[in-house]
Protein backbone atom coordinates (compact mmCIF):
# COMPACT_ATOMS: atom_id res chain seq x y z
CA MET A 1 2.16 -111.25 -9.24
CA LYS A 2 0.03 -108.67 -11.09
CA LYS A 3 -1.04 -107.57 -7.59
CA VAL A 4 2.30 -107.11 -6.47
CA LEU A 5 3.43 -105.12 -9.60
CA GLY A 6 0.34 -102.88 -9.35
CA ALA A 7 0.79 -102.02 -5.41
CA LEU A 8 4.74 -101.27 -6.25
CA LEU A 9 3.70 -99.09 -9.11
CA LEU A 10 1.04 -97.07 -6.67
CA GLY A 11 3.72 -96.97 -4.12
CA ALA A 12 6.07 -95.47 -6.59
CA THR A 13 3.73 -93.03 -7.77
CA ILE A 14 2.66 -92.15 -4.24
CA VAL A 15 6.26 -91.56 -3.36
CA SER A 16 7.21 -89.68 -6.30
CA ALA A 17 4.23 -87.33 -6.31
CA PHE A 18 5.32 -86.90 -2.52
CA ILE A 19 8.89 -85.72 -3.39
CA ALA A 20 7.50 -83.40 -6.25
CA TYR A 21 4.95 -81.93 -3.88
CA SER A 22 7.77 -81.31 -1.20
CA MET A 23 9.92 -79.60 -3.71
CA TYR A 24 7.59 -77.45 -5.05
CA THR A 25 6.42 -76.56 -1.43
CA ASN A 26 10.07 -75.87 -0.57
CA HIS A 27 10.77 -73.63 -3.41
CA SER A 28 7.39 -71.70 -2.98
CA ALA A 29 8.60 -70.91 0.67
CA LYS A 30 11.98 -69.81 -0.63
CA GLN A 31 10.43 -67.64 -3.07
CA THR A 32 7.79 -65.88 -0.52
CA ALA A 33 10.66 -65.43 2.06
CA ALA A 34 12.93 -63.91 -0.89
CA ILE A 35 9.86 -61.58 -1.78
CA GLU A 36 9.24 -60.78 1.88
CA GLN A 37 12.80 -60.21 2.45
CA LYS A 38 13.10 -57.73 -0.48
CA GLN A 39 9.93 -55.91 0.86
CA ALA A 40 11.39 -55.47 4.24
CA ALA A 41 14.48 -54.46 2.81
CA LYS A 42 12.60 -51.60 0.98
CA LYS A 43 10.64 -50.65 3.45
CA ALA A 44 14.05 -50.47 5.82
CA GLU A 45 15.66 -48.18 3.01
CA LYS A 46 12.81 -45.83 3.17
CA LYS A 47 12.89 -45.41 6.79
CA THR A 48 16.53 -44.54 6.28
CA GLU A 49 15.83 -42.24 3.58
CA LYS A 50 13.08 -40.17 5.61
CA LYS A 51 15.62 -40.16 8.35
CA LYS A 52 18.30 -38.73 6.16
CA LYS A 53 16.09 -36.07 4.75
CA PRO A 54 16.45 -32.60 6.10
CA VAL A 55 13.77 -30.79 7.67
CA LEU A 56 13.28 -27.38 6.16
CA LYS A 57 13.21 -24.40 8.63
CA ILE A 58 11.79 -21.10 7.54
CA GLU A 59 14.51 -19.29 9.10
CA ASP A 60 17.19 -21.10 7.10
CA LEU A 61 15.43 -20.29 3.79
CA THR A 62 15.50 -17.07 1.27
CA TYR A 63 12.18 -15.57 0.09
CA GLN A 64 11.90 -13.44 -2.89
CA LEU A 65 9.65 -10.60 -2.35
CA LYS A 66 7.68 -9.74 -5.41
CA ASP A 67 6.11 -6.43 -7.15
CA SER A 68 2.15 -7.37 -7.03
CA ARG A 69 1.79 -5.44 -10.16
CA THR A 70 4.61 -7.20 -12.26
CA GLY A 71 5.87 -9.93 -10.35
CA LYS A 72 9.21 -8.40 -10.63
CA VAL A 73 11.68 -9.30 -7.41
CA MET A 74 12.20 -6.38 -5.47
CA LYS A 75 14.12 -7.64 -2.52
CA GLU A 76 15.35 -11.02 -1.29
CA PHE A 77 14.55 -11.81 2.37
CA LYS A 78 15.87 -14.25 4.85
CA PRO A 79 13.93 -14.58 7.93
CA VAL A 80 16.41 -15.29 10.46
CA HIS A 81 14.63 -14.05 13.63
CA TYR A 82 11.22 -15.80 12.54
CA LYS A 83 11.10 -17.84 15.68
CA ASP A 84 11.34 -14.77 17.78
CA LYS A 85 8.09 -13.46 17.50
CA ASP A 86 8.89 -9.68 19.07
CA VAL A 87 12.17 -9.09 17.57
CA TYR A 88 11.01 -10.44 14.18
CA ASP A 89 7.66 -8.17 14.06
CA GLN A 90 9.72 -5.32 14.69
CA GLU A 91 12.08 -6.49 11.71
CA ILE A 92 9.29 -7.11 9.38
CA LYS A 93 7.62 -3.55 10.21
CA HIS A 94 10.65 -1.70 9.52
CA LEU A 95 11.35 -3.67 6.24
CA ALA A 96 7.75 -2.83 4.72
CA SER A 97 8.42 0.86 5.87
CA GLU A 98 11.30 1.19 4.26
CA LEU A 99 10.13 -0.33 1.23
CA ALA A 100 7.31 2.01 1.13
CA LYS A 101 9.59 5.04 1.31
CA GLY A 102 10.57 4.07 -2.08
CA ILE A 103 7.31 3.25 -3.53
CA ASP A 104 4.82 5.56 -1.92
CA THR A 105 3.69 8.42 -4.41
CA PRO A 106 0.82 10.94 -3.64
CA MET A 107 -1.70 11.60 -6.26
CA GLN A 108 -1.22 14.75 -8.71
CA ASN A 109 -4.70 16.22 -8.93
CA ILE A 110 -5.93 17.21 -12.21
CA LYS A 111 -6.25 20.92 -12.79
CA MET A 112 -8.82 22.81 -15.36
CA ASP A 113 -7.12 25.27 -17.40
CA ALA A 114 -8.42 28.79 -18.82
CA ASN A 115 -10.21 27.08 -21.77
CA GLY A 116 -11.90 24.46 -19.29
CA SER A 117 -9.59 21.71 -20.61
CA LEU A 118 -8.41 19.12 -17.98
CA THR A 119 -4.55 19.13 -17.91
CA GLY A 120 -1.86 17.21 -15.51
CA GLY A 121 -2.60 14.70 -12.88
CA SER A 122 -0.98 11.46 -12.17
CA LYS A 123 -1.87 8.24 -10.08
CA GLN A 124 -1.26 7.57 -6.37
CA ILE A 125 0.80 4.71 -5.68
CA ILE A 126 0.66 2.99 -2.23
CA LEU A 127 2.20 -0.10 -0.67
CA LYS A 128 0.25 -1.41 1.81
CA GLU A 129 2.59 -1.90 4.75
CA ALA A 130 0.02 -3.73 7.05
CA GLU A 131 -0.88 -6.14 4.28
CA LEU A 132 3.18 -7.16 3.59
CA VAL A 133 3.69 -7.54 7.10
CA LYS A 134 0.78 -10.00 7.63
CA ASN A 135 2.18 -11.63 4.43
CA LEU A 136 5.78 -12.18 5.98
CA GLN A 137 4.14 -13.07 9.22
CA ASN A 138 2.76 -16.08 7.52
CA LEU A 139 5.40 -17.79 5.75
CA ASN A 140 5.93 -21.47 4.52
CA ALA A 141 8.55 -23.41 3.39
CA LYS A 142 6.68 -24.76 0.18
CA GLN A 143 6.24 -20.95 -1.27
CA LEU A 144 9.33 -18.99 -1.51
CA ASP A 145 7.75 -16.01 -3.26
CA VAL A 146 5.96 -13.30 -0.84
CA LYS A 147 3.72 -10.57 -2.55
CA VAL A 148 4.39 -7.02 -1.99
CA PRO A 149 1.04 -5.36 -2.05
CA ILE A 150 1.14 -2.39 -4.39
CA TYR A 151 -1.99 -0.65 -5.41
CA GLU A 152 -2.23 2.17 -7.98
CA THR A 153 -5.26 4.74 -8.20
CA ALA A 154 -5.48 7.13 -11.08
CA PRO A 155 -7.61 10.48 -10.65
CA ASN A 156 -11.10 9.86 -11.04
CA VAL A 157 -12.06 12.71 -13.45
CA THR A 158 -13.10 12.65 -17.17
CA ALA A 159 -13.86 15.65 -19.34
CA ALA A 160 -17.63 14.33 -19.68
CA SER A 161 -17.84 14.45 -15.76
CA ALA A 162 -16.04 18.05 -15.61
CA GLN A 163 -18.69 19.41 -17.91
CA GLY A 164 -19.94 22.75 -16.33
CA ILE A 165 -18.30 21.94 -13.05
CA ALA A 166 -17.48 25.50 -11.82
CA ASP A 167 -21.42 26.13 -12.12
CA VAL A 168 -22.62 26.03 -8.43
CA SER A 169 -20.82 26.83 -5.21
CA LEU A 170 -21.07 24.13 -2.42
CA ALA A 171 -19.15 26.30 0.22
CA SER A 172 -17.22 29.49 0.31
CA TYR A 173 -14.84 30.97 2.96
CA SER A 174 -12.89 33.97 3.13
CA THR A 175 -10.28 35.37 5.39
CA ARG A 176 -8.52 38.79 5.60
CA PHE A 177 -4.82 39.81 5.55
CA ARG A 178 -3.09 42.97 5.50
CA PRO A 179 -2.39 44.59 2.19
CA SER A 180 0.75 46.51 3.24
CA ASP A 181 2.72 43.12 4.39
CA THR A 182 3.83 42.68 0.80
CA SER A 183 5.89 39.62 1.43
CA ARG A 184 3.54 37.64 3.22
CA ASN A 185 0.55 38.47 0.55
CA ARG A 186 2.98 37.50 -2.05
CA ASN A 187 3.15 34.08 -0.29
CA VAL A 188 -0.32 33.81 0.33
CA GLN A 189 -1.21 34.72 -3.49
CA LEU A 190 1.63 31.83 -4.64
CA SER A 191 -0.21 29.15 -2.50
CA ALA A 192 -3.69 30.20 -3.70
CA GLU A 193 -2.63 29.81 -7.20
CA ALA A 194 -1.10 26.72 -6.62
CA ILE A 195 -4.81 25.15 -5.51
CA ASN A 196 -6.93 27.00 -7.58
CA ASN A 197 -8.77 25.16 -10.37
CA VAL A 198 -7.81 21.66 -8.69
CA VAL A 199 -10.37 18.95 -10.02
CA LEU A 200 -11.21 16.20 -7.51
CA GLY A 201 -13.31 13.34 -8.74
CA PRO A 202 -15.35 10.79 -6.44
CA GLY A 203 -12.66 9.29 -4.03
CA ASP A 204 -9.53 11.50 -5.32
CA SER A 205 -7.41 12.52 -2.33
CA PHE A 206 -5.70 15.97 -2.03
CA SER A 207 -2.42 16.76 -0.17
CA TYR A 208 -1.52 20.37 0.29
CA ASN A 209 1.96 20.15 0.89
CA GLN A 210 1.98 18.14 -2.40
CA THR A 211 0.13 20.54 -4.68
CA VAL A 212 1.87 23.72 -3.16
CA GLY A 213 5.34 22.16 -3.44
CA GLU A 214 8.37 23.17 -1.39
CA ARG A 215 8.15 26.67 -0.35
CA THR A 216 11.50 28.17 -1.64
CA ALA A 217 12.81 31.63 -2.64
CA GLU A 218 13.62 30.20 -5.84
CA ARG A 219 10.33 29.65 -6.50
CA GLY A 220 9.32 33.07 -5.60
CA TYR A 221 8.13 32.48 -2.24
CA GLN A 222 9.37 35.43 0.55
CA PRO A 223 10.61 35.61 4.20
CA ALA A 224 7.68 36.47 6.43
CA PRO A 225 6.76 35.55 10.28
CA GLU A 226 5.40 32.33 10.70
CA ILE A 227 4.57 30.20 13.93
CA ILE A 228 6.91 27.92 15.23
CA ASN A 229 6.77 26.14 19.02
CA LYS A 230 4.52 28.99 19.80
CA GLN A 231 6.97 31.78 18.55
CA LEU A 232 6.64 34.17 15.63
CA VAL A 233 9.81 33.55 13.59
CA MET A 234 10.87 34.59 10.00
CA GLY A 235 10.89 31.82 7.64
CA ILE A 236 10.55 31.32 3.74
CA GLY A 237 6.51 30.82 3.01
CA GLY A 238 5.50 32.57 6.06
CA GLY A 239 1.63 33.19 5.71
CA ILE A 240 0.65 29.91 3.42
CA CYS A 241 -0.97 28.57 6.78
CA GLN A 242 -3.53 31.15 5.98
CA THR A 243 -4.47 29.48 2.54
CA SER A 244 -4.22 25.91 3.90
CA SER A 245 -6.81 27.32 7.10
CA THR A 246 -8.95 29.07 4.71
CA LEU A 247 -9.24 25.91 2.49
CA PHE A 248 -10.00 23.61 5.15
CA ASN A 249 -13.10 25.73 6.21
CA ALA A 250 -14.36 25.96 2.90
CA ILE A 251 -14.03 22.14 2.11
CA ASP A 252 -15.32 21.36 5.44
CA GLY A 253 -18.44 23.55 4.53
CA ALA A 254 -18.71 21.57 1.60
CA GLY A 255 -18.80 18.24 3.43
CA LEU A 256 -15.75 16.75 2.08
CA GLN A 257 -13.86 14.54 4.05
CA VAL A 258 -10.60 15.56 6.38
CA THR A 259 -8.25 13.08 6.62
CA ALA A 260 -5.28 15.20 7.82
CA ARG A 261 -4.99 18.46 9.94
CA SER A 262 -2.73 19.84 12.66
CA HIS A 263 -3.44 22.83 14.59
CA HIS A 264 -0.96 25.89 15.21
CA SER A 265 1.17 26.13 18.42
CA LYS A 266 -0.85 29.48 19.04
CA HIS A 267 -4.05 30.94 18.22
CA VAL A 268 -4.01 32.72 14.43
CA GLY A 269 -5.86 35.70 14.20
CA TYR A 270 -7.43 34.99 10.41
CA VAL A 271 -9.91 32.31 11.52
CA PRO A 272 -11.71 31.26 14.79
CA ALA A 273 -10.12 29.14 17.63
CA GLY A 274 -9.79 25.51 16.42
CA ARG A 275 -10.46 26.08 12.58
CA ASP A 276 -6.65 26.50 11.52
CA ALA A 277 -4.72 23.99 9.72
CA THR A 278 -0.99 24.58 9.63
CA VAL A 279 1.32 23.07 7.27
CA SER A 280 5.16 22.84 6.81
CA TRP A 281 7.42 21.33 3.84
CA GLY A 282 8.43 17.84 5.48
CA GLY A 283 5.85 18.25 8.55
CA PRO A 284 2.38 18.69 9.26
CA ASP A 285 0.20 18.12 5.97
CA PHE A 286 -3.25 19.14 5.40
CA LYS A 287 -5.23 16.24 3.48
CA PHE A 288 -8.67 15.85 2.42
CA THR A 289 -10.63 13.33 0.06
CA ASN A 290 -13.99 13.95 -2.16
CA ASN A 291 -16.30 11.58 -0.75
CA LYS A 292 -19.00 12.90 -2.93
CA ASP A 293 -19.97 10.79 -6.11
CA TYR A 294 -19.60 13.79 -8.44
CA PRO A 295 -16.32 15.91 -9.04
CA VAL A 296 -15.62 19.36 -7.45
CA ILE A 297 -13.20 22.02 -8.28
CA ILE A 298 -11.51 24.43 -5.91
CA LYS A 299 -11.51 27.95 -6.71
CA ALA A 300 -9.02 29.94 -4.74
CA TYR A 301 -8.24 33.87 -5.03
CA ALA A 302 -5.99 36.15 -3.24
CA ASN A 303 -6.69 39.73 -3.48
CA VAL A 304 -3.63 41.97 -2.64
CA ASN A 305 -5.42 45.23 -3.11
CA THR A 306 -8.14 44.42 -0.74
CA GLY A 307 -6.70 41.92 1.57
CA VAL A 308 -9.22 39.08 1.05
CA LEU A 309 -8.54 35.37 0.40
CA THR A 310 -11.46 33.51 -1.02
CA VAL A 311 -11.65 29.81 -1.44
CA ASP A 312 -14.62 28.37 -3.00
CA VAL A 313 -15.56 24.73 -3.51
CA ARG A 314 -17.68 24.28 -6.63
CA THR A 315 -19.37 21.85 -8.89
CA SER A 316 -22.01 21.31 -11.72
CA GLN A 317 -25.65 21.80 -11.51
CA ARG A 318 -26.64 18.77 -12.70
CA ALA A 319 -24.54 16.87 -9.78
CA ILE A 320 -26.49 17.90 -7.33
């Protein structure tokens, strides 16, 4: 009897264990299935979100062009033609040119007064158009700020570096004019006074038009013959090209670097052929840079009695 009861009890235990195990396995399987179902649902949801998320196109974005010096927004720009390279390149080159017109400012050179003190002068401001164009060619959708590269260069002269600057002549050049031609001579005299005592430090640039300024009757310039399209015509300021040509020959003799020079449309008599430098307001300019590692001063004298114009480029004895 005892053996029968023990067998029955063992069987009941085994059945109970099997039922419990089956219930546990069932429950675990359901839990696992539920977890896998949730994970699959999340993956599907993420895929749907990715599909719904819009793709940013550069031509649909608006970029802010910012001054590299201050970070100030200069202009908002939408590159609608970004995918059409030829059209887009023309557009951004025009944009860079227009922005530069409102920024570019020539250097105002320092001058030396009668007491030997330095006066005036202001920095050159340049928008590097090619650099801006490159920045606009390489836009991306994650960076909507575009640097507008603007550089400032102040005149590189100090009172200490200018000490004794007129001691030694590097090169001098003279031309002649007729003392009887009073109107033309007055123009030569005024333009010579404008460039007289200009001081250029190492690397400083010079613009004849910027330095002399616009030639107007209000500023004392007279009507006199000037060459236009191979013809002599009357114009306010006729004769100032003799000053620019004399200056060219002096600075060329001193070894300074010419950066812009144009010839007259016909030969002029005051310098040898090919040694002239024509200028006009709003037109050709004569420009050069002091490529020396020391400052120089320009001395210009127009003697209306003898009819001699002289330009002398000088520096200090210690500089050379």
